[in-house]
Amino acid sequence: MIFLQQAGRNQHDHICQSLELFASEVMGEFKAQVAAREAAKAAELAPYIAAAMARKVFMPALADADIPVVKASVAKAEVNAMRP
């Protein structure tokens, strides 16, 4: 849904009234259908997601020593630099 409210000679009050009308008359119906839409979307996408995940090559987890330490509280970032 795209709202183009600031075009033309729309007054601020009219824009607000329009948005309030949408919220009170239309948005509730969309909100009520969220769970069903999300479930249908998940069911439709599930085989594609499963196929993509089956093709994915996972990297091994990093050891703590392999994770760089970045000192952000200095003038120039220092990676893995030990300070006295």
Protein backbone atom coordinates (compact mmCIF):
# COMPACT_ATOMS: atom_id res chain seq x y z
CA MET A 1 0.00 0.00 0.00
CA ILE A 2 1.45 3.35 -0.98
CA PHE A 3 0.06 6.66 0.21
CA LEU A 4 0.86 9.82 -1.69
CA GLN A 5 -0.58 12.44 0.57
CA GLN A 6 1.67 15.47 0.12
CA ALA A 7 0.93 16.02 -3.56
CA GLY A 8 -1.19 18.88 -4.82
CA ARG A 9 -3.09 21.18 -2.50
CA ASN A 10 -3.92 18.70 0.23
CA GLN A 11 -4.21 20.35 3.61
CA HIS A 12 -2.58 18.75 6.62
CA ASP A 13 -5.94 18.24 8.35
CA HIS A 14 -7.35 16.45 5.29
CA ILE A 15 -4.29 14.17 5.12
CA CYS A 16 -4.69 13.29 8.80
CA GLN A 17 -8.42 12.63 8.34
CA SER A 18 -7.68 10.40 5.37
CA LEU A 19 -5.11 8.37 7.30
CA GLU A 20 -7.44 8.07 10.30
CA LEU A 21 -10.25 6.90 8.03
CA PHE A 22 -7.98 4.27 6.49
CA ALA A 23 -6.87 3.12 9.94
CA SER A 24 -10.41 2.86 11.30
CA GLU A 25 -12.16 1.39 8.25
CA VAL A 26 -9.56 -0.68 6.38
CA MET A 27 -6.50 -1.47 8.43
CA GLY A 28 -8.36 -3.69 10.90
CA GLU A 29 -9.35 -6.07 8.13
CA PHE A 30 -5.73 -6.34 6.95
CA LYS A 31 -4.57 -6.87 10.53
CA ALA A 32 -7.15 -9.60 11.12
CA GLN A 33 -5.81 -11.56 8.14
CA VAL A 34 -2.09 -11.32 8.99
CA ALA A 35 -1.77 -14.78 10.56
CA ALA A 36 -3.50 -16.51 7.64
CA ARG A 37 -1.45 -14.59 5.05
CA GLU A 38 1.82 -15.33 6.85
CA ALA A 39 0.95 -19.04 7.17
CA ALA A 40 0.05 -19.29 3.47
CA LYS A 41 3.23 -17.44 2.50
CA ALA A 42 5.38 -19.72 4.70
CA ALA A 43 3.74 -22.84 3.25
CA GLU A 44 4.25 -21.61 -0.32
CA LEU A 45 7.89 -20.67 0.24
CA ALA A 46 8.84 -23.71 2.38
CA PRO A 47 10.01 -25.98 -0.47
CA TYR A 48 12.12 -23.21 -2.00
CA ILE A 49 13.68 -22.32 1.33
CA ALA A 50 14.40 -26.00 2.05
CA ALA A 51 16.05 -26.41 -1.39
CA ALA A 52 18.16 -23.28 -0.89
CA MET A 53 19.25 -24.37 2.58
CA ALA A 54 20.17 -27.84 1.24
CA ARG A 55 22.53 -26.17 -1.27
CA LYS A 56 24.09 -23.88 1.32
CA VAL A 57 27.65 -24.59 2.36
CA PHE A 58 28.04 -23.65 6.00
CA MET A 59 31.34 -22.21 7.22
CA PRO A 60 32.86 -23.76 10.33
CA ALA A 61 32.40 -21.78 13.51
CA LEU A 62 35.26 -19.46 14.41
CA ALA A 63 37.36 -20.14 17.47
CA ASP A 64 37.44 -17.30 19.98
CA ALA A 65 41.06 -16.60 19.05
CA ASP A 66 40.04 -16.11 15.39
CA ILE A 67 37.52 -13.38 16.14
CA PRO A 68 39.17 -9.96 15.76
CA VAL A 69 38.97 -7.50 18.61
CA VAL A 70 38.42 -3.93 17.45
CA LYS A 71 39.19 -1.12 19.85
CA ALA A 72 36.60 1.47 18.89
CA SER A 73 37.32 3.92 21.67
CA VAL A 74 40.62 5.15 20.21
CA ALA A 75 41.32 7.78 17.56
CA LYS A 76 42.10 5.11 14.92
CA ALA A 77 40.57 1.64 15.17
CA GLU A 78 43.12 -0.95 16.22
CA VAL A 79 42.46 -4.56 15.23
CA ASN A 80 43.96 -7.19 17.54
CA ALA A 81 46.48 -4.67 18.91
CA MET A 82 47.44 -5.21 22.50
CA ARG A 83 47.75 -1.99 24.50
CA PRO A 84 49.86 -1.75 27.65
